[in-house]
């Protein structure tokens, strides 16, 4: 009986290990283009000028409309820094009552109509939070009235521990889907409000 339990346990561990390896191999958390680091990315083309898309995403109040995960975003230092600009800090709430899952973002770099880089920290309520993350919004003007918008998520130091990297590989499937849903929502909202 004990031998049979050990055999079942061995096979369960082998199946779990194989599943994790397969998920890591096919993970959306991968190197892109000339980058020497891994990221999760999604890109969409929006029929609107880059400035319009940039300004829309720079207004934290709009997140309630386009985000498939966040209920709302509150700015924390708007007395000193304009929302969406360098130095602006905001808190993202998953739930309307502001309980449970939340995290903070600080805008670290801004090139108007080109990109925003944000640090992600103070993650609360997550089963297994991942530390040291940054996200980037990349705006590429394809023409005067068409913009390619990319959301990218990666480790700030590009040298995360193996455990943080494993967590990111496993979480990247959900992150990729959220990016896709969010960017498709941004596309629809911006194009229909021109």
Protein backbone atom coordinates (compact mmCIF):
# COMPACT_ATOMS: atom_id res chain seq x y z
CA UNK A 1 0.00 0.00 0.00
CA UNK A 2 2.79 2.44 0.97
CA UNK A 3 4.68 1.52 -2.20
CA UNK A 4 1.60 2.32 -4.30
CA UNK A 5 1.14 5.71 -2.57
CA UNK A 6 4.80 6.56 -3.24
CA UNK A 7 4.40 5.57 -6.90
CA UNK A 8 1.31 7.77 -7.28
CA UNK A 9 3.12 10.62 -5.53
CA UNK A 10 6.10 10.27 -7.85
CA UNK A 11 3.88 10.39 -10.94
CA UNK A 12 1.96 13.41 -9.63
CA UNK A 13 5.23 15.27 -9.03
CA UNK A 14 6.50 14.26 -12.49
CA UNK A 15 3.28 15.50 -14.15
CA UNK A 16 3.37 18.77 -12.20
CA UNK A 17 7.04 19.33 -13.05
CA UNK A 18 6.39 18.60 -16.74
CA UNK A 19 3.42 20.99 -16.77
CA UNK A 20 5.52 23.77 -15.24
CA UNK A 21 8.35 23.20 -17.75
CA UNK A 22 5.89 23.32 -20.68
CA UNK A 23 4.29 26.51 -19.32
CA UNK A 24 7.70 28.16 -18.99
CA UNK A 25 8.76 27.13 -22.52
CA UNK A 26 5.60 28.52 -24.14
CA UNK A 27 5.21 31.49 -21.78
CA UNK A 28 4.42 34.96 -23.21
CA UNK A 29 7.21 36.23 -20.93
CA UNK A 30 9.95 36.14 -23.55
CA UNK A 31 12.63 38.21 -25.29
CA UNK A 32 11.27 40.52 -27.97
CA UNK A 33 13.17 42.01 -30.90
CA UNK A 34 16.50 43.52 -29.92
CA UNK A 35 15.74 43.37 -26.18
CA UNK A 36 18.18 41.35 -24.12
CA UNK A 37 15.57 40.88 -21.41
CA UNK A 38 12.21 39.13 -21.17
CA UNK A 39 8.89 40.97 -21.16
CA UNK A 40 5.18 40.37 -21.61
CA UNK A 41 3.88 42.54 -24.45
CA UNK A 42 0.76 43.19 -26.44
CA UNK A 43 0.38 45.67 -29.31
CA UNK A 44 -2.64 47.15 -31.03
CA UNK A 45 -3.13 49.67 -33.84
CA UNK A 46 -5.49 52.54 -33.05
CA UNK A 47 -6.99 54.82 -35.67
CA UNK A 48 -6.15 58.01 -33.81
CA UNK A 49 -3.16 60.35 -33.45
CA UNK A 50 -0.46 59.36 -30.94
CA UNK A 51 -1.15 62.51 -28.93
CA UNK A 52 -4.81 61.54 -28.49
CA UNK A 53 -3.94 58.03 -27.29
CA UNK A 54 -1.15 59.34 -25.04
CA UNK A 55 -3.45 61.90 -23.40
CA UNK A 56 -6.24 59.36 -22.96
CA UNK A 57 -4.00 56.94 -21.05
CA UNK A 58 -2.45 59.79 -19.07
CA UNK A 59 -5.80 60.43 -17.39
CA UNK A 60 -6.14 57.88 -14.57
CA UNK A 61 -9.93 58.39 -14.42
CA UNK A 62 -10.22 56.69 -17.82
CA UNK A 63 -8.97 53.37 -16.40
CA UNK A 64 -12.46 52.68 -15.03
CA UNK A 65 -13.61 52.48 -18.67
CA UNK A 66 -10.80 50.59 -20.38
CA UNK A 67 -9.33 48.29 -17.72
CA UNK A 68 -10.59 44.71 -17.59
CA UNK A 69 -9.05 44.26 -14.12
CA UNK A 70 -8.84 47.60 -12.30
CA UNK A 71 -12.05 49.19 -11.02
CA UNK A 72 -10.41 52.60 -10.64
CA UNK A 73 -7.12 54.44 -10.17
CA UNK A 74 -6.61 57.25 -7.64
CA UNK A 75 -3.77 59.75 -7.91
CA UNK A 76 -1.80 60.10 -4.66
CA UNK A 77 0.33 63.21 -5.21
CA UNK A 78 -1.70 65.32 -7.64
CA UNK A 79 -1.04 68.45 -5.55
CA UNK A 80 2.59 68.26 -6.70
CA UNK A 81 2.58 66.28 -9.96
CA UNK A 82 0.12 66.29 -12.83
CA UNK A 83 -1.59 62.95 -13.50
CA UNK A 84 0.22 61.01 -16.21
CA UNK A 85 3.40 63.08 -15.92
CA UNK A 86 6.87 62.34 -14.53
CA UNK A 87 6.74 61.81 -10.75
CA UNK A 88 3.01 61.15 -10.61
CA UNK A 89 2.06 58.36 -8.19
CA UNK A 90 -1.22 56.52 -8.41
CA UNK A 91 -2.91 53.63 -6.63
CA UNK A 92 -4.73 50.96 -8.64
CA UNK A 93 -7.73 49.28 -6.99
CA UNK A 94 -9.20 46.03 -8.26
CA UNK A 95 -12.38 46.50 -6.20
CA UNK A 96 -14.73 49.45 -5.99
CA UNK A 97 -14.64 49.38 -2.16
CA UNK A 98 -10.81 49.64 -2.32
CA UNK A 99 -10.37 46.45 -0.28
CA UNK A 100 -8.36 43.42 -1.37
CA UNK A 101 -6.03 43.68 -4.35
CA UNK A 102 -4.23 46.98 -4.94
CA UNK A 103 -0.83 48.29 -6.01
CA UNK A 104 0.96 51.59 -6.59
CA UNK A 105 2.60 52.93 -9.73
CA UNK A 106 5.07 55.79 -10.10
CA UNK A 107 5.79 57.34 -13.47
CA UNK A 108 9.58 57.19 -13.86
CA UNK A 109 9.99 58.48 -17.42
CA UNK A 110 7.85 60.28 -19.96
CA UNK A 111 8.50 61.20 -23.57
CA UNK A 112 5.33 62.98 -24.76
CA UNK A 113 3.42 60.96 -27.35
CA UNK A 114 6.20 58.31 -27.34
CA UNK A 115 6.28 56.44 -24.01
CA UNK A 116 5.67 56.25 -20.26
CA UNK A 117 7.65 54.02 -17.91
CA UNK A 118 6.05 53.15 -14.57
CA UNK A 119 7.36 51.24 -11.56
CA UNK A 120 4.96 48.84 -9.86
CA UNK A 121 5.26 48.37 -6.10
CA UNK A 122 3.31 47.99 -2.84
CA UNK A 123 1.37 45.01 -4.23
CA UNK A 124 -1.26 43.93 -1.70
CA UNK A 125 -3.80 41.12 -1.70
CA UNK A 126 -2.10 39.00 -4.34
CA UNK A 127 -1.63 35.28 -3.62
CA UNK A 128 1.99 35.46 -4.79
CA UNK A 129 3.08 39.04 -5.63
CA UNK A 130 6.00 39.60 -7.98
CA UNK A 131 8.45 42.31 -6.99
CA UNK A 132 10.68 44.62 -9.01
CA UNK A 133 8.35 45.17 -11.96
CA UNK A 134 8.12 48.02 -14.43
CA UNK A 135 5.61 48.59 -17.18
CA UNK A 136 5.93 50.69 -20.30
CA UNK A 137 3.37 52.24 -22.61
CA UNK A 138 4.93 52.69 -26.06
CA UNK A 139 3.23 54.98 -28.60
CA UNK A 140 4.45 54.74 -32.20
CA UNK A 141 2.93 57.09 -34.76
CA UNK A 142 2.37 55.03 -37.90
CA UNK A 143 0.79 58.03 -39.61
CA UNK A 144 -0.88 61.29 -38.57
CA UNK A 145 -4.04 59.39 -37.62
CA UNK A 146 -2.80 55.92 -36.70
CA UNK A 147 -0.88 54.82 -33.61
CA UNK A 148 0.67 51.55 -32.62
CA UNK A 149 0.27 51.17 -28.84
CA UNK A 150 2.22 48.56 -26.87
CA UNK A 151 1.95 47.62 -23.21
CA UNK A 152 5.07 45.90 -21.86
CA UNK A 153 5.81 44.42 -18.41
CA UNK A 154 9.30 43.35 -17.29
CA UNK A 155 11.68 43.23 -14.34
CA UNK A 156 13.29 46.61 -13.67
CA UNK A 157 16.73 45.16 -13.00
CA UNK A 158 16.46 42.40 -15.65
CA UNK A 159 18.18 40.15 -13.09
CA UNK A 160 15.34 38.74 -11.02
CA UNK A 161 15.73 35.60 -8.92
CA UNK A 162 14.82 32.25 -10.47
CA UNK A 163 11.73 32.09 -8.24
CA UNK A 164 10.47 35.55 -9.24
CA UNK A 165 11.18 34.64 -12.89
CA UNK A 166 9.24 31.39 -12.54
CA UNK A 167 6.28 33.25 -11.01
CA UNK A 168 6.40 35.71 -13.89
CA UNK A 169 6.43 32.91 -16.48
CA UNK A 170 3.34 31.36 -14.88
CA UNK A 171 1.53 34.70 -14.39
CA UNK A 172 2.37 35.89 -17.92
CA UNK A 173 -0.55 34.01 -19.48
CA UNK A 174 -3.01 36.04 -17.40
CA UNK A 175 -1.05 39.27 -17.84
CA UNK A 176 -0.97 38.84 -21.63
CA UNK A 177 -4.75 38.29 -21.72
CA UNK A 178 -5.32 41.40 -19.57
CA UNK A 179 -3.07 43.47 -21.82
CA UNK A 180 -4.97 42.22 -24.87
CA UNK A 181 -8.38 42.99 -23.33
CA UNK A 182 -7.24 46.39 -22.07
CA UNK A 183 -5.67 47.51 -25.34
CA UNK A 184 -8.66 46.36 -27.37
CA UNK A 185 -10.84 48.41 -24.98
CA UNK A 186 -8.56 51.47 -25.36
CA UNK A 187 -8.75 51.09 -29.15
CA UNK A 188 -12.53 50.92 -29.15
CA UNK A 189 -13.00 53.81 -26.71
CA UNK A 190 -10.50 56.17 -28.37
CA UNK A 191 -11.72 55.47 -31.90
CA UNK A 192 -15.38 55.92 -30.97
CA UNK A 193 -14.77 59.15 -29.06
CA UNK A 194 -12.93 61.02 -31.82
